[in-house]
Amino acid sequence: MSNKNNLLRNVLVGAGVAAVGAIGTKAAVDYFRNRGQEEVVDENQPDAEPTSSKEVAYATVEQNSVQEFLDRSFGNPGRYVPNRPPKVFDYQGKQYMVIWAYDNQQKKNQMLAFMYTDQGRKMIASVGYTNQKTDYNINLQGTPFAVEVNNQKLTSGKSETGGTSEVDFVLTAA
């Protein structure tokens, strides 16, 4: 097992999230386009390595396994309930976790994105959305990512825009 996959496993362990399959790889553009749960890689296989900078190493994560992380992180158990499969991945040597959840307190969907560094976890995007409006606080400068809202790729800022039913975490260049 490589150091890179150890880092990805450390993200999972630190967040208290259980992987349901071994770590796999996939073309990054395909990984970010998928809104469903990733296929479970054979757990008996060794962890896969990205073969290029265009691939992502990912862990298949059960949607409900991020509930405890949300409860601990935001100090209000049950406020956020996962409503779409999370993405826990390593891309170009950096580890990330993106969670989609329903915010029972604010009555809106929420996408929360974290980057892991030597200093710990850092929130890099928070997007709350309903069909009426979308509010966001995004700081993705220095990453290859954007948040896609209504076909617009946002990489930074704190503002609001039109409502939507889906928010995606995407590559800026895809």
N, C-alpha and C. Protein backbone atom coordinates (compact mmCIF):
# COMPACT_ATOMS: atom_id res chain seq x y z
N MET A 1 0.85 -1.18 0.00
CA MET A 1 0.00 0.00 0.00
C MET A 1 0.90 1.24 0.00
N SER A 2 0.59 2.17 -0.85
CA SER A 2 1.44 3.36 -0.97
C SER A 2 1.12 4.39 0.10
N ASN A 3 1.99 5.36 0.21
CA ASN A 3 1.80 6.47 1.13
C ASN A 3 0.53 7.24 0.76
N LYS A 4 0.27 7.38 -0.55
CA LYS A 4 -0.90 8.13 -1.01
C LYS A 4 -2.18 7.49 -0.48
N ASN A 5 -2.29 6.16 -0.60
CA ASN A 5 -3.49 5.50 -0.12
C ASN A 5 -3.56 5.50 1.40
N ASN A 6 -2.39 5.48 2.08
CA ASN A 6 -2.41 5.64 3.54
C ASN A 6 -3.02 6.98 3.91
N LEU A 7 -2.68 8.04 3.16
CA LEU A 7 -3.26 9.36 3.44
C LEU A 7 -4.77 9.34 3.25
N LEU A 8 -5.24 8.70 2.21
CA LEU A 8 -6.68 8.62 1.96
C LEU A 8 -7.36 7.83 3.08
N ARG A 9 -6.75 6.73 3.49
CA ARG A 9 -7.31 5.95 4.61
C ARG A 9 -7.30 6.78 5.90
N ASN A 10 -6.26 7.59 6.12
CA ASN A 10 -6.20 8.45 7.31
C ASN A 10 -7.35 9.44 7.32
N VAL A 11 -7.73 9.97 6.16
CA VAL A 11 -8.88 10.87 6.07
C VAL A 11 -10.13 10.14 6.54
N LEU A 12 -10.32 8.91 6.05
CA LEU A 12 -11.49 8.12 6.42
C LEU A 12 -11.52 7.84 7.92
N VAL A 13 -10.38 7.39 8.45
CA VAL A 13 -10.30 7.07 9.87
C VAL A 13 -10.52 8.32 10.71
N GLY A 14 -9.86 9.42 10.35
CA GLY A 14 -9.99 10.66 11.10
C GLY A 14 -11.41 11.19 11.12
N ALA A 15 -12.13 10.97 10.02
CA ALA A 15 -13.51 11.44 9.94
C ALA A 15 -14.48 10.44 10.55
N GLY A 16 -13.99 9.23 10.87
CA GLY A 16 -14.87 8.19 11.40
C GLY A 16 -15.77 7.62 10.33
N VAL A 17 -15.29 7.62 9.09
CA VAL A 17 -16.07 7.15 7.95
C VAL A 17 -15.53 5.80 7.50
N ALA A 18 -16.41 4.86 7.27
CA ALA A 18 -15.99 3.52 6.85
C ALA A 18 -16.09 3.37 5.34
N ALA A 19 -15.00 2.92 4.74
CA ALA A 19 -15.03 2.61 3.31
C ALA A 19 -15.73 1.27 3.15
N VAL A 20 -16.59 1.14 2.13
CA VAL A 20 -17.28 -0.13 1.91
C VAL A 20 -16.55 -1.00 0.89
N GLY A 21 -15.51 -0.47 0.28
CA GLY A 21 -14.71 -1.24 -0.65
C GLY A 21 -13.29 -0.75 -0.60
N ALA A 22 -12.44 -1.44 -1.29
CA ALA A 22 -11.05 -1.00 -1.35
C ALA A 22 -10.99 0.32 -2.12
N ILE A 23 -9.85 0.97 -2.06
CA ILE A 23 -9.67 2.20 -2.81
C ILE A 23 -9.46 1.86 -4.27
N GLY A 24 -10.15 2.56 -5.15
CA GLY A 24 -10.04 2.32 -6.58
C GLY A 24 -9.59 3.58 -7.30
N THR A 25 -9.42 3.46 -8.60
CA THR A 25 -9.08 4.63 -9.41
C THR A 25 -10.06 4.75 -10.56
N LYS A 26 -10.14 5.95 -11.08
CA LYS A 26 -11.06 6.24 -12.17
C LYS A 26 -10.60 7.54 -12.81
N ALA A 27 -10.91 7.72 -14.07
CA ALA A 27 -10.62 9.00 -14.71
C ALA A 27 -11.36 10.08 -13.93
N ALA A 28 -10.66 11.13 -13.55
CA ALA A 28 -11.23 12.17 -12.70
C ALA A 28 -12.50 12.76 -13.31
N VAL A 29 -12.48 13.01 -14.60
CA VAL A 29 -13.64 13.62 -15.25
C VAL A 29 -14.88 12.73 -15.10
N ASP A 30 -14.71 11.41 -15.15
CA ASP A 30 -15.84 10.50 -14.97
C ASP A 30 -16.27 10.42 -13.50
N TYR A 31 -15.30 10.45 -12.61
CA TYR A 31 -15.60 10.38 -11.17
C TYR A 31 -16.46 11.56 -10.74
N PHE A 32 -16.10 12.76 -11.17
CA PHE A 32 -16.85 13.94 -10.73
C PHE A 32 -18.20 14.06 -11.41
N ARG A 33 -18.36 13.45 -12.58
CA ARG A 33 -19.63 13.48 -13.28
C ARG A 33 -20.66 12.56 -12.61
N ASN A 34 -20.20 11.51 -11.92
CA ASN A 34 -21.09 10.52 -11.32
C ASN A 34 -21.73 11.07 -10.04
N ARG A 35 -23.06 11.08 -10.01
CA ARG A 35 -23.77 11.55 -8.81
C ARG A 35 -24.17 10.41 -7.90
N GLY A 36 -24.02 9.18 -8.36
CA GLY A 36 -24.40 8.02 -7.55
C GLY A 36 -23.24 7.46 -6.77
N GLN A 37 -23.47 6.35 -6.10
CA GLN A 37 -22.40 5.70 -5.35
C GLN A 37 -21.46 5.00 -6.32
N GLU A 38 -20.17 5.11 -6.06
CA GLU A 38 -19.19 4.45 -6.90
C GLU A 38 -19.32 2.93 -6.73
N GLU A 39 -18.92 2.20 -7.75
CA GLU A 39 -18.93 0.75 -7.65
C GLU A 39 -17.96 0.32 -6.57
N VAL A 40 -18.33 -0.71 -5.84
CA VAL A 40 -17.44 -1.24 -4.81
C VAL A 40 -16.35 -2.03 -5.50
N VAL A 41 -15.12 -1.65 -5.22
CA VAL A 41 -13.98 -2.37 -5.75
C VAL A 41 -13.80 -3.62 -4.89
N ASP A 42 -13.38 -4.72 -5.48
CA ASP A 42 -13.16 -5.96 -4.74
C ASP A 42 -12.29 -5.69 -3.52
N GLU A 43 -12.84 -5.96 -2.34
CA GLU A 43 -12.12 -5.65 -1.10
C GLU A 43 -10.86 -6.47 -0.93
N ASN A 44 -10.73 -7.57 -1.66
CA ASN A 44 -9.53 -8.41 -1.55
C ASN A 44 -8.40 -7.90 -2.44
N GLN A 45 -8.69 -6.98 -3.32
CA GLN A 45 -7.67 -6.42 -4.19
C GLN A 45 -6.85 -5.40 -3.40
N PRO A 46 -5.57 -5.28 -3.70
CA PRO A 46 -4.81 -4.21 -3.05
C PRO A 46 -5.32 -2.86 -3.54
N ASP A 47 -5.06 -1.83 -2.77
CA ASP A 47 -5.49 -0.50 -3.15
C ASP A 47 -4.87 -0.10 -4.48
N ALA A 48 -5.66 0.54 -5.29
CA ALA A 48 -5.21 0.93 -6.62
C ALA A 48 -4.45 2.26 -6.58
N GLU A 49 -3.60 2.43 -7.54
CA GLU A 49 -2.80 3.64 -7.68
C GLU A 49 -3.24 4.41 -8.92
N PRO A 50 -3.37 5.73 -8.84
CA PRO A 50 -3.62 6.48 -10.07
C PRO A 50 -2.42 6.31 -11.01
N THR A 51 -2.70 6.15 -12.29
CA THR A 51 -1.60 5.98 -13.26
C THR A 51 -1.24 7.28 -13.95
N SER A 52 -2.03 8.33 -13.71
CA SER A 52 -1.70 9.64 -14.28
C SER A 52 -2.33 10.73 -13.43
N SER A 53 -1.98 11.97 -13.72
CA SER A 53 -2.54 13.10 -12.97
C SER A 53 -4.00 13.36 -13.36
N LYS A 54 -4.49 12.63 -14.35
CA LYS A 54 -5.89 12.78 -14.76
C LYS A 54 -6.79 11.75 -14.07
N GLU A 55 -6.20 10.92 -13.18
CA GLU A 55 -6.98 9.93 -12.45
C GLU A 55 -7.12 10.34 -10.99
N VAL A 56 -8.17 9.86 -10.39
CA VAL A 56 -8.44 10.09 -8.99
C VAL A 56 -8.42 8.73 -8.29
N ALA A 57 -7.87 8.69 -7.08
CA ALA A 57 -8.00 7.50 -6.22
C ALA A 57 -9.15 7.82 -5.28
N TYR A 58 -10.10 6.90 -5.18
CA TYR A 58 -11.27 7.18 -4.37
C TYR A 58 -11.58 6.00 -3.46
N ALA A 59 -12.28 6.30 -2.38
CA ALA A 59 -12.80 5.27 -1.50
C ALA A 59 -14.31 5.25 -1.67
N THR A 60 -14.87 4.07 -1.82
CA THR A 60 -16.32 3.94 -1.89
C THR A 60 -16.86 4.03 -0.47
N VAL A 61 -17.71 5.02 -0.24
CA VAL A 61 -18.18 5.31 1.11
C VAL A 61 -19.70 5.19 1.16
N GLU A 62 -20.19 4.50 2.18
CA GLU A 62 -21.63 4.37 2.39
C GLU A 62 -22.18 5.74 2.79
N GLN A 63 -23.26 6.15 2.15
CA GLN A 63 -23.84 7.48 2.38
C GLN A 63 -24.06 7.77 3.87
N ASN A 64 -24.64 6.83 4.60
CA ASN A 64 -24.97 7.08 6.01
C ASN A 64 -23.76 7.07 6.93
N SER A 65 -22.60 6.59 6.43
CA SER A 65 -21.43 6.51 7.31
C SER A 65 -20.85 7.89 7.63
N VAL A 66 -21.28 8.94 6.94
CA VAL A 66 -20.78 10.28 7.26
C VAL A 66 -21.65 10.99 8.30
N GLN A 67 -22.73 10.33 8.76
CA GLN A 67 -23.62 10.96 9.74
C GLN A 67 -22.89 11.33 11.03
N GLU A 68 -22.09 10.41 11.57
CA GLU A 68 -21.38 10.70 12.82
C GLU A 68 -20.39 11.86 12.62
N PHE A 69 -19.71 11.89 11.48
CA PHE A 69 -18.80 12.99 11.18
C PHE A 69 -19.56 14.32 11.18
N LEU A 70 -20.71 14.37 10.54
CA LEU A 70 -21.52 15.60 10.49
C LEU A 70 -21.96 16.01 11.90
N ASP A 71 -22.42 15.03 12.69
CA ASP A 71 -22.87 15.32 14.05
C ASP A 71 -21.74 15.89 14.90
N ARG A 72 -20.56 15.27 14.81
CA ARG A 72 -19.40 15.73 15.60
C ARG A 72 -18.88 17.08 15.11
N SER A 73 -18.82 17.24 13.81
CA SER A 73 -18.21 18.45 13.24
C SER A 73 -19.04 19.70 13.47
N PHE A 74 -20.35 19.56 13.48
CA PHE A 74 -21.21 20.74 13.58
C PHE A 74 -21.94 20.84 14.90
N GLY A 75 -21.68 19.90 15.83
CA GLY A 75 -22.17 20.00 17.20
C GLY A 75 -23.67 19.99 17.38
N ASN A 76 -24.40 19.56 16.39
CA ASN A 76 -25.85 19.54 16.50
C ASN A 76 -26.34 18.24 15.86
N PRO A 77 -26.30 17.13 16.63
CA PRO A 77 -26.67 15.83 16.06
C PRO A 77 -28.00 15.85 15.32
N GLY A 78 -27.99 15.31 14.11
CA GLY A 78 -29.20 15.24 13.31
C GLY A 78 -29.50 16.47 12.48
N ARG A 79 -28.73 17.55 12.67
CA ARG A 79 -29.00 18.75 11.86
C ARG A 79 -28.79 18.45 10.39
N TYR A 80 -27.65 17.85 10.06
CA TYR A 80 -27.36 17.50 8.67
C TYR A 80 -27.55 16.00 8.48
N VAL A 81 -28.30 15.63 7.45
CA VAL A 81 -28.53 14.23 7.13
C VAL A 81 -28.08 14.00 5.69
N PRO A 82 -27.11 13.09 5.48
CA PRO A 82 -26.61 12.86 4.12
C PRO A 82 -27.74 12.47 3.17
N ASN A 83 -27.74 13.07 1.96
CA ASN A 83 -28.80 12.76 1.00
C ASN A 83 -28.26 12.42 -0.40
N ARG A 84 -26.96 12.24 -0.50
CA ARG A 84 -26.34 11.84 -1.77
C ARG A 84 -25.00 11.20 -1.40
N PRO A 85 -24.54 10.20 -2.15
CA PRO A 85 -23.28 9.55 -1.78
C PRO A 85 -22.12 10.56 -1.71
N PRO A 86 -21.36 10.51 -0.60
CA PRO A 86 -20.22 11.41 -0.45
C PRO A 86 -19.06 10.99 -1.36
N LYS A 87 -18.14 11.90 -1.56
CA LYS A 87 -16.94 11.61 -2.34
C LYS A 87 -15.73 11.83 -1.43
N VAL A 88 -14.93 10.79 -1.26
CA VAL A 88 -13.69 10.86 -0.51
C VAL A 88 -12.61 10.41 -1.47
N PHE A 89 -11.67 11.32 -1.77
CA PHE A 89 -10.75 11.02 -2.86
C PHE A 89 -9.41 11.72 -2.70
N ASP A 90 -8.46 11.22 -3.47
CA ASP A 90 -7.12 11.79 -3.57
C ASP A 90 -6.95 12.18 -5.03
N TYR A 91 -6.66 13.45 -5.26
CA TYR A 91 -6.44 13.93 -6.62
C TYR A 91 -5.18 14.75 -6.65
N GLN A 92 -4.26 14.34 -7.48
CA GLN A 92 -2.98 15.03 -7.65
C GLN A 92 -2.28 15.27 -6.31
N GLY A 93 -2.32 14.22 -5.45
CA GLY A 93 -1.57 14.24 -4.21
C GLY A 93 -2.25 14.94 -3.03
N LYS A 94 -3.48 15.39 -3.19
CA LYS A 94 -4.20 16.04 -2.09
C LYS A 94 -5.50 15.29 -1.83
N GLN A 95 -5.91 15.28 -0.56
CA GLN A 95 -7.09 14.50 -0.16
C GLN A 95 -8.27 15.43 0.14
N TYR A 96 -9.44 14.98 -0.29
CA TYR A 96 -10.66 15.78 -0.17
C TYR A 96 -11.83 14.91 0.27
N MET A 97 -12.83 15.55 0.87
CA MET A 97 -14.10 14.89 1.17
C MET A 97 -15.21 15.89 0.84
N VAL A 98 -16.19 15.43 0.08
CA VAL A 98 -17.34 16.26 -0.29
C VAL A 98 -18.59 15.53 0.18
N ILE A 99 -19.43 16.24 0.93
CA ILE A 99 -20.64 15.64 1.49
C ILE A 99 -21.85 16.48 1.05
N TRP A 100 -22.89 15.77 0.61
CA TRP A 100 -24.17 16.40 0.31
C TRP A 100 -25.14 15.97 1.40
N ALA A 101 -25.84 16.95 2.00
CA ALA A 101 -26.74 16.63 3.11
C ALA A 101 -27.92 17.59 3.11
N TYR A 102 -28.96 17.20 3.84
CA TYR A 102 -30.09 18.10 4.06
C TYR A 102 -29.90 18.73 5.43
N ASP A 103 -30.02 20.06 5.49
CA ASP A 103 -29.88 20.82 6.72
C ASP A 103 -31.28 21.00 7.30
N ASN A 104 -31.60 20.22 8.35
CA ASN A 104 -32.92 20.27 8.96
C ASN A 104 -33.20 21.59 9.67
N GLN A 105 -32.16 22.30 10.11
CA GLN A 105 -32.33 23.57 10.80
C GLN A 105 -32.66 24.69 9.81
N GLN A 106 -31.92 24.75 8.72
CA GLN A 106 -32.13 25.81 7.71
C GLN A 106 -33.12 25.40 6.62
N LYS A 107 -33.55 24.14 6.62
CA LYS A 107 -34.51 23.62 5.63
C LYS A 107 -33.99 23.80 4.20
N LYS A 108 -32.74 23.34 3.97
CA LYS A 108 -32.17 23.41 2.63
C LYS A 108 -31.14 22.31 2.46
N ASN A 109 -30.82 22.01 1.22
CA ASN A 109 -29.75 21.08 0.91
C ASN A 109 -28.42 21.80 1.11
N GLN A 110 -27.39 21.03 1.40
CA GLN A 110 -26.08 21.60 1.66
C GLN A 110 -25.01 20.72 1.02
N MET A 111 -24.04 21.35 0.38
CA MET A 111 -22.85 20.64 -0.09
C MET A 111 -21.68 21.21 0.70
N LEU A 112 -20.93 20.34 1.36
CA LEU A 112 -19.79 20.74 2.18
C LEU A 112 -18.54 20.07 1.62
N ALA A 113 -17.51 20.85 1.31
CA ALA A 113 -16.27 20.29 0.76
C ALA A 113 -15.11 20.63 1.68
N PHE A 114 -14.29 19.61 1.95
CA PHE A 114 -13.14 19.75 2.83
C PHE A 114 -11.87 19.31 2.11
N MET A 115 -10.77 20.00 2.41
CA MET A 115 -9.46 19.59 1.94
C MET A 115 -8.65 19.26 3.17
N TYR A 116 -7.86 18.20 3.07
CA TYR A 116 -7.03 17.78 4.20
C TYR A 116 -5.59 18.21 3.94
N THR A 117 -5.00 18.85 4.94
CA THR A 117 -3.62 19.32 4.86
C THR A 117 -2.87 18.81 6.09
N ASP A 118 -1.58 19.09 6.14
CA ASP A 118 -0.81 18.71 7.33
C ASP A 118 -1.33 19.41 8.57
N GLN A 119 -1.99 20.55 8.41
CA GLN A 119 -2.54 21.30 9.54
C GLN A 119 -3.93 20.80 9.94
N GLY A 120 -4.50 19.89 9.16
CA GLY A 120 -5.81 19.34 9.48
C GLY A 120 -6.83 19.60 8.38
N ARG A 121 -8.09 19.47 8.74
CA ARG A 121 -9.19 19.62 7.78
C ARG A 121 -9.55 21.08 7.61
N LYS A 122 -9.76 21.48 6.37
CA LYS A 122 -10.13 22.87 6.07
C LYS A 122 -11.37 22.86 5.16
N MET A 123 -12.41 23.58 5.56
CA MET A 123 -13.59 23.66 4.70
C MET A 123 -13.27 24.61 3.54
N ILE A 124 -13.47 24.13 2.31
CA ILE A 124 -13.15 24.93 1.14
C ILE A 124 -14.39 25.34 0.36
N ALA A 125 -15.54 24.75 0.69
CA ALA A 125 -16.78 25.15 0.03
C ALA A 125 -17.97 24.75 0.89
N SER A 126 -18.90 25.67 0.99
CA SER A 126 -20.17 25.42 1.66
C SER A 126 -21.24 26.07 0.79
N VAL A 127 -22.16 25.24 0.32
CA VAL A 127 -23.21 25.73 -0.58
C VAL A 127 -24.56 25.23 -0.07
N GLY A 128 -25.43 26.17 0.26
CA GLY A 128 -26.78 25.83 0.67
C GLY A 128 -27.72 26.11 -0.49
N TYR A 129 -28.62 25.16 -0.79
CA TYR A 129 -29.46 25.38 -1.96
C TYR A 129 -30.87 24.82 -1.81
N THR A 130 -31.79 25.60 -2.35
CA THR A 130 -33.19 25.20 -2.49
C THR A 130 -33.59 25.55 -3.92
N ASN A 131 -34.78 25.21 -4.30
CA ASN A 131 -35.25 25.56 -5.64
C ASN A 131 -35.41 27.08 -5.79
N GLN A 132 -35.49 27.81 -4.66
CA GLN A 132 -35.67 29.26 -4.71
C GLN A 132 -34.35 30.03 -4.77
N LYS A 133 -33.33 29.60 -3.98
CA LYS A 133 -32.06 30.34 -3.99
C LYS A 133 -30.91 29.43 -3.55
N THR A 134 -29.72 29.87 -3.92
CA THR A 134 -28.49 29.16 -3.57
C THR A 134 -27.54 30.17 -2.92
N ASP A 135 -27.08 29.87 -1.71
CA ASP A 135 -26.09 30.73 -1.07
C ASP A 135 -24.79 29.93 -0.96
N TYR A 136 -23.68 30.63 -1.09
CA TYR A 136 -22.41 29.92 -1.09
C TYR A 136 -21.28 30.72 -0.47
N ASN A 137 -20.31 29.97 0.05
CA ASN A 137 -19.05 30.50 0.56
C ASN A 137 -17.99 29.53 0.03
N ILE A 138 -17.29 29.94 -1.00
CA ILE A 138 -16.39 29.05 -1.74
C ILE A 138 -14.98 29.64 -1.78
N ASN A 139 -14.00 28.79 -1.47
CA ASN A 139 -12.60 29.20 -1.52
C ASN A 139 -11.80 28.06 -2.16
N LEU A 140 -11.89 27.95 -3.48
CA LEU A 140 -11.25 26.86 -4.21
C LEU A 140 -10.02 27.32 -5.00
N GLN A 141 -9.56 28.56 -4.76
CA GLN A 141 -8.36 29.02 -5.45
C GLN A 141 -7.22 28.09 -5.06
N GLY A 142 -6.35 27.80 -6.01
CA GLY A 142 -5.24 26.92 -5.74
C GLY A 142 -5.59 25.44 -5.82
N THR A 143 -6.85 25.15 -6.14
CA THR A 143 -7.26 23.76 -6.38
C THR A 143 -7.74 23.67 -7.82
N PRO A 144 -7.82 22.45 -8.36
CA PRO A 144 -8.33 22.29 -9.73
C PRO A 144 -9.86 22.17 -9.78
N PHE A 145 -10.55 22.62 -8.73
CA PHE A 145 -11.98 22.38 -8.60
C PHE A 145 -12.83 23.64 -8.66
N ALA A 146 -14.10 23.42 -8.96
CA ALA A 146 -15.12 24.46 -8.94
C ALA A 146 -16.40 23.82 -8.41
N VAL A 147 -17.32 24.65 -7.99
CA VAL A 147 -18.66 24.19 -7.65
C VAL A 147 -19.55 24.62 -8.80
N GLU A 148 -20.29 23.65 -9.34
CA GLU A 148 -21.16 23.97 -10.47
C GLU A 148 -22.59 24.16 -9.98
N VAL A 149 -23.11 25.37 -10.23
CA VAL A 149 -24.47 25.74 -9.87
C VAL A 149 -25.12 26.33 -11.11
N ASN A 150 -26.21 25.73 -11.57
CA ASN A 150 -26.94 26.23 -12.74
C ASN A 150 -25.99 26.47 -13.93
N ASN A 151 -25.16 25.48 -14.21
CA ASN A 151 -24.20 25.52 -15.33
C ASN A 151 -23.13 26.59 -15.20
N GLN A 152 -22.97 27.18 -14.02
CA GLN A 152 -21.90 28.14 -13.75
C GLN A 152 -20.87 27.47 -12.86
N LYS A 153 -19.59 27.64 -13.17
CA LYS A 153 -18.52 27.10 -12.33
C LYS A 153 -18.00 28.22 -11.44
N LEU A 154 -18.20 28.05 -10.13
CA LEU A 154 -17.77 29.03 -9.14
C LEU A 154 -16.53 28.52 -8.42
N THR A 155 -15.51 29.37 -8.30
CA THR A 155 -14.28 28.96 -7.61
C THR A 155 -14.01 29.77 -6.35
N SER A 156 -14.67 30.90 -6.19
CA SER A 156 -14.47 31.68 -4.97
C SER A 156 -15.63 32.65 -4.79
N GLY A 157 -15.74 33.13 -3.58
CA GLY A 157 -16.75 34.14 -3.29
C GLY A 157 -17.74 33.70 -2.24
N LYS A 158 -18.45 34.71 -1.74
CA LYS A 158 -19.51 34.51 -0.76
C LYS A 158 -20.67 35.35 -1.25
N SER A 159 -21.73 34.68 -1.69
CA SER A 159 -22.85 35.40 -2.28
C SER A 159 -24.04 34.47 -2.39
N GLU A 160 -25.01 34.86 -3.20
CA GLU A 160 -26.12 33.97 -3.52
C GLU A 160 -26.51 34.14 -4.97
N THR A 161 -27.19 33.13 -5.47
CA THR A 161 -27.60 33.10 -6.86
C THR A 161 -28.94 32.38 -6.94
N GLY A 162 -29.40 32.09 -8.14
CA GLY A 162 -30.69 31.44 -8.32
C GLY A 162 -30.77 30.06 -7.69
N GLY A 163 -31.97 29.60 -7.49
CA GLY A 163 -32.19 28.29 -6.88
C GLY A 163 -31.83 27.16 -7.81
N THR A 164 -31.62 25.99 -7.22
CA THR A 164 -31.26 24.80 -7.99
C THR A 164 -31.65 23.56 -7.22
N SER A 165 -31.71 22.44 -7.90
CA SER A 165 -31.99 21.18 -7.23
C SER A 165 -30.73 20.33 -7.10
N GLU A 166 -29.64 20.72 -7.79
CA GLU A 166 -28.38 19.96 -7.73
C GLU A 166 -27.19 20.91 -7.73
N VAL A 167 -26.18 20.58 -6.94
CA VAL A 167 -24.91 21.28 -6.91
C VAL A 167 -23.85 20.22 -7.06
N ASP A 168 -22.89 20.46 -7.95
CA ASP A 168 -21.83 19.47 -8.18
C ASP A 168 -20.46 20.04 -7.88
N PHE A 169 -19.55 19.16 -7.49
CA PHE A 169 -18.15 19.47 -7.26
C PHE A 169 -17.42 18.96 -8.49
N VAL A 170 -16.83 19.85 -9.27
CA VAL A 170 -16.30 19.46 -10.58
C VAL A 170 -14.88 19.97 -10.80
N LEU A 171 -14.25 19.47 -11.84
CA LEU A 171 -12.95 20.01 -12.27
C LEU A 171 -13.18 21.31 -13.00
N THR A 172 -12.35 22.30 -12.77
CA THR A 172 -12.52 23.58 -13.45
C THR A 172 -12.28 23.45 -14.95
N ALA A 173 -11.37 22.56 -15.33
CA ALA A 173 -11.00 22.44 -16.74
C ALA A 173 -11.80 21.38 -17.50
N ALA A 174 -12.77 20.77 -16.85
CA ALA A 174 -13.52 19.69 -17.53
C ALA A 174 -14.70 20.25 -18.30
